Amino acid sequence: MTEVAVLGECVADAFAEGRPEDGELTLRLLPGGGPANTAVALARLGTRTRFLGRLSRDVFGEVFRAHLRASGVDLSDCVTASEPSTLAVAALDGDGRADYTFHAEGTADWAWSAAELHRLRLDGVSCLHTGSLALVRPPGGRLVEEFLGRAARSATISIDPNVRPALVDPATYRTALPRWCAVADLIKLSADDLAHVWPGRPLAASCDALHEAGAALVVVTLGEGGALVSQRGRRAEVPAVVTQVVDTVGAGDSFTAGFLHRLGRDGHLGGRLDDVQFGVVVDAASFGAAVAARTCAVVGANPPWATDFAGAPMI
């Protein structure tokens, strides 16, 4: 059976309830963080999933562990960290899109050491997915990048940069993307990510640049516009699945999980993705869109389970 390892952060997503003008707010805390969201979604869909993270001993860390385990994620290779958990306070706009304020200095997620990464097991892993802040935040970001190079010898590599300009200068991503493409088989970004990294550049030109740097597959999520799939010059648009949007938190992470789950189900993870038929890639993106839509229909990053698709041919 395909097994996917996901390396990255868990974040406490805090949603404010109340009115600031009243001088008081209540924060509702839910487990989040792009990589952790992807791991949860993969496991709920039925993919064997191993999370590689640094989980704090604090109360948020305990919430993360409970959430991941309840979703079926293997935590046996997680590091128990003395540093605190990362906190992100989310403000939702009228379309349910979140704008985050991060409290991330000195937190557990970014403090990977070379020794910790060396101890991580990848036996039996068909795909390693990572990205977001764990790949760019010091001191561990470059060490994680080196780890990807070693993992690529035996596993498909998937990266979601998940650009966070409030915490990391977009120029950092612009510089790093060619290095990531050189090792990655799949690069998944949002249109907003690309707008931060290459302002004004057409999506097709951005895809071409990522392919030229080495990525076999590029997927760009477009929100309500669906997704653009690009495989070395062949492109197709995949429509979004219509849903009543509560918020879009975790939608991109769920899309990635659906995409990887479908590729794994059909036996395409475990090596390079250069020769995967284009129709297979488009089909995987369509399933990713269905998973993302169900995530948008609920509060926070709460992706669907395989049973939610009972009777549908997609799973």
C-alpha atoms as a PDB file:
ATOM      1  CA  MET A   1       0.000   0.000   0.000  1.00  0.00           C
ATOM      2  CA  THR A   2       1.165   3.530  -0.780  1.00  0.00           C
ATOM      3  CA  GLU A   3       2.488   5.443   2.219  1.00  0.00           C
ATOM      4  CA  VAL A   4       2.965   9.208   2.198  1.00  0.00           C
ATOM      5  CA  ALA A   5       5.158  11.025   4.699  1.00  0.00           C
ATOM      6  CA  VAL A   6       4.370  14.677   5.372  1.00  0.00           C
ATOM      7  CA  LEU A   7       7.050  16.893   6.911  1.00  0.00           C
ATOM      8  CA  GLY A   8       6.236  20.307   8.345  1.00  0.00           C
ATOM      9  CA  GLU A   9       4.396  22.338  10.907  1.00  0.00           C
ATOM     10  CA  CYS A  10       1.339  22.100  13.108  1.00  0.00           C
ATOM     11  CA  VAL A  11      -0.170  25.494  13.906  1.00  0.00           C
ATOM     12  CA  ALA A  12      -2.860  26.502  16.376  1.00  0.00           C
ATOM     13  CA  ASP A  13      -5.381  28.404  14.229  1.00  0.00           C
ATOM     14  CA  ALA A  14      -7.196  30.934  16.405  1.00  0.00           C
ATOM     15  CA  PHE A  15     -10.504  32.311  15.107  1.00  0.00           C
ATOM     16  CA  ALA A  16     -11.713  35.469  16.825  1.00  0.00           C
ATOM     17  CA  GLU A  17     -15.303  35.588  17.984  1.00  0.00           C
ATOM     18  CA  GLY A  18     -16.935  38.777  19.224  1.00  0.00           C
ATOM     19  CA  ARG A  19     -16.548  42.462  18.340  1.00  0.00           C
ATOM     20  CA  PRO A  20     -13.265  44.329  18.888  1.00  0.00           C
ATOM     21  CA  GLU A  21     -15.182  47.515  19.666  1.00  0.00           C
ATOM     22  CA  ASP A  22     -16.571  45.811  22.770  1.00  0.00           C
ATOM     23  CA  GLY A  23     -13.044  45.565  24.151  1.00  0.00           C
ATOM     24  CA  GLU A  24     -13.059  41.770  24.295  1.00  0.00           C
ATOM     25  CA  LEU A  25     -12.659  38.822  21.953  1.00  0.00           C
ATOM     26  CA  THR A  26     -12.901  35.074  22.406  1.00  0.00           C
ATOM     27  CA  LEU A  27     -10.487  32.902  20.455  1.00  0.00           C
ATOM     28  CA  ARG A  28     -11.628  29.524  19.193  1.00  0.00           C
ATOM     29  CA  LEU A  29      -8.527  27.371  18.629  1.00  0.00           C
ATOM     30  CA  LEU A  30      -8.469  24.638  15.986  1.00  0.00           C
ATOM     31  CA  PRO A  31      -5.550  22.462  14.818  1.00  0.00           C
ATOM     32  CA  GLY A  32      -4.023  23.734  11.588  1.00  0.00           C
ATOM     33  CA  GLY A  33      -0.805  24.263   9.677  1.00  0.00           C
ATOM     34  CA  GLY A  34      -0.528  23.413   5.979  1.00  0.00           C
ATOM     35  CA  PRO A  35       1.496  20.185   6.222  1.00  0.00           C
ATOM     36  CA  ALA A  36      -0.525  18.881   9.190  1.00  0.00           C
ATOM     37  CA  ASN A  37      -3.765  19.651   7.319  1.00  0.00           C
ATOM     38  CA  THR A  38      -2.508  17.671   4.327  1.00  0.00           C
ATOM     39  CA  ALA A  39      -1.524  14.730   6.531  1.00  0.00           C
ATOM     40  CA  VAL A  40      -4.960  14.677   8.168  1.00  0.00           C
ATOM     41  CA  ALA A  41      -6.756  14.821   4.816  1.00  0.00           C
ATOM     42  CA  LEU A  42      -4.607  12.034   3.340  1.00  0.00           C
ATOM     43  CA  ALA A  43      -5.217   9.731   6.290  1.00  0.00           C
ATOM     44  CA  ARG A  44      -8.950  10.387   6.298  1.00  0.00           C
ATOM     45  CA  LEU A  45      -9.110   9.502   2.613  1.00  0.00           C
ATOM     46  CA  GLY A  46      -7.475   6.158   3.348  1.00  0.00           C
ATOM     47  CA  THR A  47      -3.816   6.736   2.460  1.00  0.00           C
ATOM     48  CA  ARG A  48      -1.313   5.444   5.005  1.00  0.00           C
ATOM     49  CA  THR A  49       0.202   8.674   6.300  1.00  0.00           C
ATOM     50  CA  ARG A  50       3.204   9.376   8.500  1.00  0.00           C
ATOM     51  CA  PHE A  51       3.657  12.858   9.958  1.00  0.00           C
ATOM     52  CA  LEU A  52       7.175  14.139  10.492  1.00  0.00           C
ATOM     53  CA  GLY A  53       6.916  17.143  12.773  1.00  0.00           C
ATOM     54  CA  ARG A  54       8.236  18.749  15.918  1.00  0.00           C
ATOM     55  CA  LEU A  55       5.311  18.752  18.345  1.00  0.00           C
ATOM     56  CA  SER A  56       5.562  20.868  21.472  1.00  0.00           C
ATOM     57  CA  ARG A  57       4.943  19.559  24.964  1.00  0.00           C
ATOM     58  CA  ASP A  58       2.513  22.450  25.553  1.00  0.00           C
ATOM     59  CA  VAL A  59      -1.275  22.229  25.551  1.00  0.00           C
ATOM     60  CA  PHE A  60      -1.502  23.032  21.836  1.00  0.00           C
ATOM     61  CA  GLY A  61       0.885  20.179  21.107  1.00  0.00           C
ATOM     62  CA  GLU A  62      -1.443  17.819  22.943  1.00  0.00           C
ATOM     63  CA  VAL A  63      -4.354  19.052  20.828  1.00  0.00           C
ATOM     64  CA  PHE A  64      -2.310  18.434  17.672  1.00  0.00           C
ATOM     65  CA  ARG A  65      -1.445  14.887  18.731  1.00  0.00           C
ATOM     66  CA  ALA A  66      -5.061  14.045  19.519  1.00  0.00           C
ATOM     67  CA  HIS A  67      -6.288  15.502  16.222  1.00  0.00           C
ATOM     68  CA  LEU A  68      -3.704  13.726  14.081  1.00  0.00           C
ATOM     69  CA  ARG A  69      -4.118  10.377  15.829  1.00  0.00           C
ATOM     70  CA  ALA A  70      -7.911  10.555  15.635  1.00  0.00           C
ATOM     71  CA  SER A  71      -7.564  11.010  11.867  1.00  0.00           C
ATOM     72  CA  GLY A  72      -5.342   7.933  11.575  1.00  0.00           C
ATOM     73  CA  VAL A  73      -1.962   9.648  11.117  1.00  0.00           C
ATOM     74  CA  ASP A  74       1.176   7.786  12.274  1.00  0.00           C
ATOM     75  CA  LEU A  75       3.106   9.983  14.750  1.00  0.00           C
ATOM     76  CA  SER A  76       5.845   7.497  15.621  1.00  0.00           C
ATOM     77  CA  ASP A  77       8.593   9.630  14.037  1.00  0.00           C
ATOM     78  CA  CYS A  78       7.520  12.984  15.505  1.00  0.00           C
ATOM     79  CA  VAL A  79       9.964  14.882  17.715  1.00  0.00           C
ATOM     80  CA  THR A  80       8.745  15.918  21.170  1.00  0.00           C
ATOM     81  CA  ALA A  81       9.936  19.516  21.370  1.00  0.00           C
ATOM     82  CA  SER A  82      10.577  21.781  24.339  1.00  0.00           C
ATOM     83  CA  GLU A  83       9.802  24.946  22.335  1.00  0.00           C
ATOM     84  CA  PRO A  84       6.203  26.315  22.281  1.00  0.00           C
ATOM     85  CA  SER A  85       3.703  25.728  19.493  1.00  0.00           C
ATOM     86  CA  THR A  86       3.122  28.221  16.694  1.00  0.00           C
ATOM     87  CA  LEU A  87      -0.043  30.337  16.929  1.00  0.00           C
ATOM     88  CA  ALA A  88      -1.842  31.931  13.980  1.00  0.00           C
ATOM     89  CA  VAL A  89      -4.760  34.320  14.560  1.00  0.00           C
ATOM     90  CA  ALA A  90      -7.119  34.251  11.583  1.00  0.00           C
ATOM     91  CA  ALA A  91      -9.372  37.043  10.387  1.00  0.00           C
ATOM     92  CA  LEU A  92     -11.935  35.976   7.772  1.00  0.00           C
ATOM     93  CA  ASP A  93     -13.138  38.272   5.019  1.00  0.00           C
ATOM     94  CA  GLY A  94     -16.605  38.206   3.477  1.00  0.00           C
ATOM     95  CA  ASP A  95     -15.628  35.349   1.145  1.00  0.00           C
ATOM     96  CA  GLY A  96     -14.327  33.155   3.961  1.00  0.00           C
ATOM     97  CA  ARG A  97     -10.678  33.740   3.101  1.00  0.00           C
ATOM     98  CA  ALA A  98      -8.310  33.966   6.048  1.00  0.00           C
ATOM     99  CA  ASP A  99      -5.680  36.599   6.721  1.00  0.00           C
ATOM    100  CA  TYR A 100      -3.272  35.384   9.402  1.00  0.00           C
ATOM    101  CA  THR A 101      -1.247  37.102  12.092  1.00  0.00           C
ATOM    102  CA  PHE A 102       1.495  34.698  13.170  1.00  0.00           C
ATOM    103  CA  HIS A 103       3.141  34.286  16.553  1.00  0.00           C
ATOM    104  CA  ALA A 104       6.016  32.145  15.385  1.00  0.00           C
ATOM    105  CA  GLU A 105       9.320  33.278  16.858  1.00  0.00           C
ATOM    106  CA  GLY A 106      11.280  30.568  18.643  1.00  0.00           C
ATOM    107  CA  THR A 107       8.557  27.972  18.182  1.00  0.00           C
ATOM    108  CA  ALA A 108       8.928  24.220  17.780  1.00  0.00           C
ATOM    109  CA  ASP A 109       8.142  23.892  14.075  1.00  0.00           C
ATOM    110  CA  TRP A 110      11.281  25.514  12.680  1.00  0.00           C
ATOM    111  CA  ALA A 111      13.957  24.182  15.051  1.00  0.00           C
ATOM    112  CA  TRP A 112      14.929  21.011  13.168  1.00  0.00           C
ATOM    113  CA  SER A 113      18.464  19.807  13.785  1.00  0.00           C
ATOM    114  CA  ALA A 114      20.550  17.712  11.411  1.00  0.00           C
ATOM    115  CA  ALA A 115      20.511  14.866  13.937  1.00  0.00           C
ATOM    116  CA  GLU A 116      16.701  14.890  14.188  1.00  0.00           C
ATOM    117  CA  LEU A 117      16.294  14.769  10.424  1.00  0.00           C
ATOM    118  CA  HIS A 118      18.903  12.030  10.109  1.00  0.00           C
ATOM    119  CA  ARG A 119      16.848   9.830  12.440  1.00  0.00           C
ATOM    120  CA  LEU A 120      13.654  10.131  10.388  1.00  0.00           C
ATOM    121  CA  ARG A 121      12.644   6.854   8.756  1.00  0.00           C
ATOM    122  CA  LEU A 122      11.573   6.759   5.119  1.00  0.00           C
ATOM    123  CA  ASP A 123      11.406   2.976   4.726  1.00  0.00           C
ATOM    124  CA  GLY A 124       8.244   2.081   2.851  1.00  0.00           C
ATOM    125  CA  VAL A 125       7.460   5.708   2.011  1.00  0.00           C
ATOM    126  CA  SER A 126       6.318   6.239  -1.585  1.00  0.00           C
ATOM    127  CA  CYS A 127       6.021  10.022  -1.418  1.00  0.00           C
ATOM    128  CA  LEU A 128       7.370  12.785   0.787  1.00  0.00           C
ATOM    129  CA  HIS A 129       5.298  15.966   0.875  1.00  0.00           C
ATOM    130  CA  THR A 130       6.456  19.177   2.506  1.00  0.00           C
ATOM    131  CA  GLY A 131       6.485  22.931   2.092  1.00  0.00           C
ATOM    132  CA  SER A 132       4.960  25.935   3.768  1.00  0.00           C
ATOM    133  CA  LEU A 133       6.967  27.653   6.500  1.00  0.00           C
ATOM    134  CA  ALA A 134       8.976  24.626   7.642  1.00  0.00           C
ATOM    135  CA  LEU A 135      10.877  24.763   4.349  1.00  0.00           C
ATOM    136  CA  VAL A 136      11.868  28.433   4.597  1.00  0.00           C
ATOM    137  CA  ARG A 137      11.996  29.421   8.265  1.00  0.00           C
ATOM    138  CA  PRO A 138      15.399  29.333   9.980  1.00  0.00           C
ATOM    139  CA  PRO A 139      17.119  27.588  11.547  1.00  0.00           C
ATOM    140  CA  GLY A 140      15.716  24.350  10.139  1.00  0.00           C
ATOM    141  CA  GLY A 141      14.587  25.348   6.645  1.00  0.00           C
ATOM    142  CA  ARG A 142      17.802  24.622   4.754  1.00  0.00           C
ATOM    143  CA  LEU A 143      18.260  21.373   6.672  1.00  0.00           C
ATOM    144  CA  VAL A 144      14.794  20.273   5.550  1.00  0.00           C
ATOM    145  CA  GLU A 145      15.732  21.189   1.996  1.00  0.00           C
ATOM    146  CA  GLU A 146      18.824  18.964   2.223  1.00  0.00           C
ATOM    147  CA  PHE A 147      16.664  16.166   3.612  1.00  0.00           C
ATOM    148  CA  LEU A 148      14.466  16.366   0.497  1.00  0.00           C
ATOM    149  CA  GLY A 149      17.484  15.727  -1.685  1.00  0.00           C
ATOM    150  CA  ARG A 150      18.209  12.507   0.183  1.00  0.00           C
ATOM    151  CA  ALA A 151      14.550  11.439   0.167  1.00  0.00           C
ATOM    152  CA  ALA A 152      14.295  11.912  -3.614  1.00  0.00           C
ATOM    153  CA  ARG A 153      16.484   8.844  -4.120  1.00  0.00           C
ATOM    154  CA  SER A 154      13.592   6.587  -3.146  1.00  0.00           C
ATOM    155  CA  ALA A 155      10.386   8.650  -3.042  1.00  0.00           C
ATOM    156  CA  THR A 156       8.272  11.025  -5.102  1.00  0.00           C
ATOM    157  CA  ILE A 157       8.777  14.583  -3.807  1.00  0.00           C
ATOM    158  CA  SER A 158       5.816  16.970  -3.507  1.00  0.00           C
ATOM    159  CA  ILE A 159       6.210  20.611  -2.422  1.00  0.00           C
ATOM    160  CA  ASP A 160       3.597  23.262  -1.627  1.00  0.00           C
ATOM    161  CA  PRO A 161       5.407  26.575  -0.953  1.00  0.00           C
ATOM    162  CA  ASN A 162       2.263  28.127   0.608  1.00  0.00           C
ATOM    163  CA  VAL A 163       3.738  31.631   0.474  1.00  0.00           C
ATOM    164  CA  ARG A 164       3.316  33.669   3.676  1.00  0.00           C
ATOM    165  CA  PRO A 165       4.526  37.215   2.882  1.00  0.00           C
ATOM    166  CA  ALA A 166       3.717  38.421   6.412  1.00  0.00           C
ATOM    167  CA  LEU A 167       6.447  36.158   7.763  1.00  0.00           C
ATOM    168  CA  VAL A 168       8.828  35.553   4.868  1.00  0.00           C
ATOM    169  CA  ASP A 169       9.895  37.972   2.148  1.00  0.00           C
ATOM    170  CA  PRO A 170       8.560  36.691  -1.217  1.00  0.00           C
ATOM    171  CA  ALA A 171      12.075  37.166  -2.573  1.00  0.00           C
ATOM    172  CA  THR A 172      13.098  34.218  -0.395  1.00  0.00           C
ATOM    173  CA  TYR A 173      10.644  31.987  -2.242  1.00  0.00           C
ATOM    174  CA  ARG A 174      11.704  33.455  -5.588  1.00  0.00           C
ATOM    175  CA  THR A 175      15.281  32.471  -4.866  1.00  0.00           C
ATOM    176  CA  ALA A 176      14.431  29.044  -3.465  1.00  0.00           C
ATOM    177  CA  LEU A 177      11.931  27.857  -6.078  1.00  0.00           C
ATOM    178  CA  PRO A 178      14.572  26.792  -8.651  1.00  0.00           C
ATOM    179  CA  ARG A 179      16.287  24.686  -5.967  1.00  0.00           C
ATOM    180  CA  TRP A 180      12.983  23.118  -4.946  1.00  0.00           C
ATOM    181  CA  CYS A 181      12.001  22.390  -8.547  1.00  0.00           C
ATOM    182  CA  ALA A 182      15.327  20.641  -9.085  1.00  0.00           C
ATOM    183  CA  VAL A 183      14.379  18.029  -6.479  1.00  0.00           C
ATOM    184  CA  ALA A 184      10.545  18.052  -6.660  1.00  0.00           C
ATOM    185  CA  ASP A 185       8.325  15.970  -8.918  1.00  0.00           C
ATOM    186  CA  LEU A 186       5.245  18.045  -8.067  1.00  0.00           C
ATOM    187  CA  ILE A 187       5.020  21.742  -7.237  1.00  0.00           C
ATOM    188  CA  LYS A 188       1.587  22.894  -6.120  1.00  0.00           C
ATOM    189  CA  LEU A 189       0.947  26.618  -5.610  1.00  0.00           C
ATOM    190  CA  SER A 190      -2.018  28.930  -5.477  1.00  0.00           C
ATOM    191  CA  ALA A 191      -2.547  31.854  -7.833  1.00  0.00           C
ATOM    192  CA  ASP A 192      -2.000  34.106  -4.805  1.00  0.00           C
ATOM    193  CA  ASP A 193       1.368  32.424  -4.162  1.00  0.00           C
ATOM    194  CA  LEU A 194       2.502  33.176  -7.692  1.00  0.00           C
ATOM    195  CA  ALA A 195       1.225  36.755  -7.488  1.00  0.00           C
ATOM    196  CA  HIS A 196       3.518  37.289  -4.492  1.00  0.00           C
ATOM    197  CA  VAL A 197       6.529  35.568  -6.042  1.00  0.00           C
ATOM    198  CA  TRP A 198       6.237  36.805  -9.637  1.00  0.00           C
ATOM    199  CA  PRO A 199       3.842  39.787  -9.664  1.00  0.00           C
ATOM    200  CA  GLY A 200       2.185  40.353 -13.023  1.00  0.00           C
ATOM    201  CA  ARG A 201       3.595  37.253 -14.671  1.00  0.00           C
ATOM    202  CA  PRO A 202       0.986  35.175 -16.585  1.00  0.00           C
ATOM    203  CA  LEU A 203       0.247  31.766 -15.084  1.00  0.00           C
ATOM    204  CA  ALA A 204       1.450  29.940 -18.197  1.00  0.00           C
ATOM    205  CA  ALA A 205       4.818  31.716 -18.031  1.00  0.00           C
ATOM    206  CA  SER A 206       5.141  30.844 -14.349  1.00  0.00           C
ATOM    207  CA  CYS A 207       4.418  27.184 -15.091  1.00  0.00           C
ATOM    208  CA  ASP A 208       7.013  27.202 -17.872  1.00  0.00           C
ATOM    209  CA  ALA A 209       9.620  28.647 -15.503  1.00  0.00           C
ATOM    210  CA  LEU A 210       8.913  25.955 -12.908  1.00  0.00           C
ATOM    211  CA  HIS A 211       9.162  23.213 -15.523  1.00  0.00           C
ATOM    212  CA  GLU A 212      12.432  24.616 -16.835  1.00  0.00           C
ATOM    213  CA  ALA A 213      13.797  24.481 -13.296  1.00  0.00           C
ATOM    214  CA  GLY A 214      12.975  20.772 -13.098  1.00  0.00           C
ATOM    215  CA  ALA A 215       9.404  20.178 -11.860  1.00  0.00           C
ATOM    216  CA  ALA A 216       7.593  17.557 -13.940  1.00  0.00           C
ATOM    217  CA  LEU A 217       4.145  18.534 -12.688  1.00  0.00           C
ATOM    218  CA  VAL A 218       2.860  21.968 -11.696  1.00  0.00           C
ATOM    219  CA  VAL A 219      -0.606  22.542 -10.260  1.00  0.00           C
ATOM    220  CA  VAL A 220      -1.942  26.038  -9.583  1.00  0.00           C
ATOM    221  CA  THR A 221      -5.126  26.313  -7.532  1.00  0.00           C
ATOM    222  CA  LEU A 222      -7.403  29.190  -8.544  1.00  0.00           C
ATOM    223  CA  GLY A 223      -9.964  29.315  -5.744  1.00  0.00           C
ATOM    224  CA  GLU A 224     -13.477  29.359  -7.175  1.00  0.00           C
ATOM    225  CA  GLY A 225     -11.831  29.147 -10.617  1.00  0.00           C
ATOM    226  CA  GLY A 226     -10.690  25.569  -9.991  1.00  0.00           C
ATOM    227  CA  ALA A 227      -7.122  24.615 -10.849  1.00  0.00           C
ATOM    228  CA  LEU A 228      -4.615  24.748 -13.684  1.00  0.00           C
ATOM    229  CA  VAL A 229      -2.674  21.537 -14.315  1.00  0.00           C
ATOM    230  CA  SER A 230       0.579  21.699 -16.278  1.00  0.00           C
ATOM    231  CA  GLN A 231       2.771  18.791 -17.328  1.00  0.00           C
ATOM    232  CA  ARG A 232       5.772  20.063 -19.251  1.00  0.00           C
ATOM    233  CA  GLY A 233       3.750  22.261 -21.597  1.00  0.00           C
ATOM    234  CA  ARG A 234       0.470  20.331 -21.678  1.00  0.00           C
ATOM    235  CA  ARG A 235      -2.157  22.242 -19.712  1.00  0.00           C
ATOM    236  CA  ALA A 236      -5.750  21.811 -18.656  1.00  0.00           C
ATOM    237  CA  GLU A 237      -8.123  23.705 -16.405  1.00  0.00           C
ATOM    238  CA  VAL A 238     -10.060  21.710 -13.842  1.00  0.00           C
ATOM    239  CA  PRO A 239     -13.283  23.346 -12.624  1.00  0.00           C
ATOM    240  CA  ALA A 240     -14.000  23.895  -8.945  1.00  0.00           C
ATOM    241  CA  VAL A 241     -16.796  21.877  -7.361  1.00  0.00           C
ATOM    242  CA  VAL A 242     -19.689  24.164  -6.454  1.00  0.00           C
ATOM    243  CA  THR A 243     -20.281  24.347  -2.713  1.00  0.00           C
ATOM    244  CA  GLN A 244     -21.612  26.675  -0.033  1.00  0.00           C
ATOM    245  CA  VAL A 245     -18.401  28.209   1.319  1.00  0.00           C
ATOM    246  CA  VAL A 246     -18.111  28.622   5.093  1.00  0.00           C
ATOM    247  CA  ASP A 247     -14.393  29.437   4.920  1.00  0.00           C
ATOM    248  CA  THR A 248     -11.450  28.439   2.734  1.00  0.00           C
ATOM    249  CA  VAL A 249      -9.073  27.469   5.564  1.00  0.00           C
ATOM    250  CA  GLY A 250      -7.204  24.315   4.596  1.00  0.00           C
ATOM    251  CA  ALA A 251      -8.758  24.098   1.133  1.00  0.00           C
ATOM    252  CA  GLY A 252      -5.428  24.127  -0.697  1.00  0.00           C
ATOM    253  CA  ASP A 253      -3.989  21.538   1.694  1.00  0.00           C
ATOM    254  CA  SER A 254      -7.005  19.297   1.128  1.00  0.00           C
ATOM    255  CA  PHE A 255      -6.632  19.708  -2.635  1.00  0.00           C
ATOM    256  CA  THR A 256      -3.045  18.481  -2.383  1.00  0.00           C
ATOM    257  CA  ALA A 257      -4.124  15.511  -0.275  1.00  0.00           C
ATOM    258  CA  GLY A 258      -6.816  14.527  -2.758  1.00  0.00           C
ATOM    259  CA  PHE A 259      -4.369  14.855  -5.640  1.00  0.00           C
ATOM    260  CA  LEU A 260      -1.701  12.702  -3.966  1.00  0.00           C
ATOM    261  CA  HIS A 261      -4.262  10.182  -2.713  1.00  0.00           C
ATOM    262  CA  ARG A 262      -5.585   9.638  -6.223  1.00  0.00           C
ATOM    263  CA  LEU A 263      -2.082   9.276  -7.712  1.00  0.00           C
ATOM    264  CA  GLY A 264      -1.164   6.816  -4.961  1.00  0.00           C
ATOM    265  CA  ARG A 265      -4.350   4.818  -5.367  1.00  0.00           C
ATOM    266  CA  ASP A 266      -3.538   4.351  -9.034  1.00  0.00           C
ATOM    267  CA  GLY A 267       0.070   3.326  -8.343  1.00  0.00           C
ATOM    268  CA  HIS A 268       1.868   6.432  -9.578  1.00  0.00           C
ATOM    269  CA  LEU A 269       3.787   7.399  -6.430  1.00  0.00           C
ATOM    270  CA  GLY A 270       7.204   6.017  -5.595  1.00  0.00           C
ATOM    271  CA  GLY A 271       9.324   7.460  -8.394  1.00  0.00           C
ATOM    272  CA  ARG A 272       9.503  10.298 -10.831  1.00  0.00           C
ATOM    273  CA  LEU A 273       6.260  11.608 -12.360  1.00  0.00           C
ATOM    274  CA  ASP A 274       7.543  12.438 -15.832  1.00  0.00           C
ATOM    275  CA  ASP A 275       5.748   9.572 -17.552  1.00  0.00           C
ATOM    276  CA  VAL A 276       2.355   9.723 -15.834  1.00  0.00           C
ATOM    277  CA  GLN A 277      -0.353  10.065 -18.470  1.00  0.00           C
ATOM    278  CA  PHE A 278      -1.809  13.558 -18.620  1.00  0.00           C
ATOM    279  CA  GLY A 279      -5.362  12.266 -18.249  1.00  0.00           C
ATOM    280  CA  VAL A 280      -4.365  10.620 -14.949  1.00  0.00           C
ATOM    281  CA  VAL A 281      -3.010  13.937 -13.678  1.00  0.00           C
ATOM    282  CA  VAL A 282      -6.191  15.807 -14.655  1.00  0.00           C
ATOM    283  CA  ASP A 283      -8.305  13.129 -12.981  1.00  0.00           C
ATOM    284  CA  ALA A 284      -6.255  13.458  -9.777  1.00  0.00           C
ATOM    285  CA  ALA A 285      -6.749  17.236  -9.828  1.00  0.00           C
ATOM    286  CA  SER A 286     -10.501  16.786 -10.251  1.00  0.00           C
ATOM    287  CA  PHE A 287     -10.579  14.638  -7.146  1.00  0.00           C
ATOM    288  CA  GLY A 288      -8.455  17.207  -5.328  1.00  0.00           C
ATOM    289  CA  ALA A 289     -11.055  19.841  -6.210  1.00  0.00           C
ATOM    290  CA  ALA A 290     -13.816  17.653  -4.762  1.00  0.00           C
ATOM    291  CA  VAL A 291     -11.920  17.205  -1.491  1.00  0.00           C
ATOM    292  CA  ALA A 292     -11.203  20.946  -1.283  1.00  0.00           C
ATOM    293  CA  ALA A 293     -14.875  21.785  -1.835  1.00  0.00           C
ATOM    294  CA  ARG A 294     -15.968  19.641   1.101  1.00  0.00           C
ATOM    295  CA  THR A 295     -13.352  21.329   3.287  1.00  0.00           C
ATOM    296  CA  CYS A 296     -14.674  24.771   2.316  1.00  0.00           C
ATOM    297  CA  ALA A 297     -18.166  23.741   3.435  1.00  0.00           C
ATOM    298  CA  VAL A 298     -17.160  23.469   7.120  1.00  0.00           C
ATOM    299  CA  VAL A 299     -15.391  25.645   9.687  1.00  0.00           C
ATOM    300  CA  GLY A 300     -11.596  25.476   9.717  1.00  0.00           C
ATOM    301  CA  ALA A 301      -9.311  22.833   8.271  1.00  0.00           C
ATOM    302  CA  ASN A 302     -11.639  19.864   8.739  1.00  0.00           C
ATOM    303  CA  PRO A 303     -11.216  17.730   5.607  1.00  0.00           C
ATOM    304  CA  PRO A 304     -13.618  14.955   4.597  1.00  0.00           C
ATOM    305  CA  TRP A 305     -13.324  11.233   5.254  1.00  0.00           C
ATOM    306  CA  ALA A 306     -13.446   8.483   2.643  1.00  0.00           C
ATOM    307  CA  THR A 307     -16.940   7.608   3.891  1.00  0.00           C
ATOM    308  CA  ASP A 308     -18.115  11.067   2.805  1.00  0.00           C
ATOM    309  CA  PHE A 309     -17.596   9.889  -0.770  1.00  0.00           C
ATOM    310  CA  ALA A 310     -19.426   6.579  -0.246  1.00  0.00           C
ATOM    311  CA  GLY A 311     -21.036   5.410  -3.465  1.00  0.00           C
ATOM    312  CA  ALA A 312     -18.961   7.791  -5.599  1.00  0.00           C
ATOM    313  CA  PRO A 313     -16.370   6.325  -8.006  1.00  0.00           C
ATOM    314  CA  MET A 314     -13.796   8.943  -6.973  1.00  0.00           C
ATOM    315  CA  ILE A 315     -12.250   7.208  -3.962  1.00  0.00           C
END
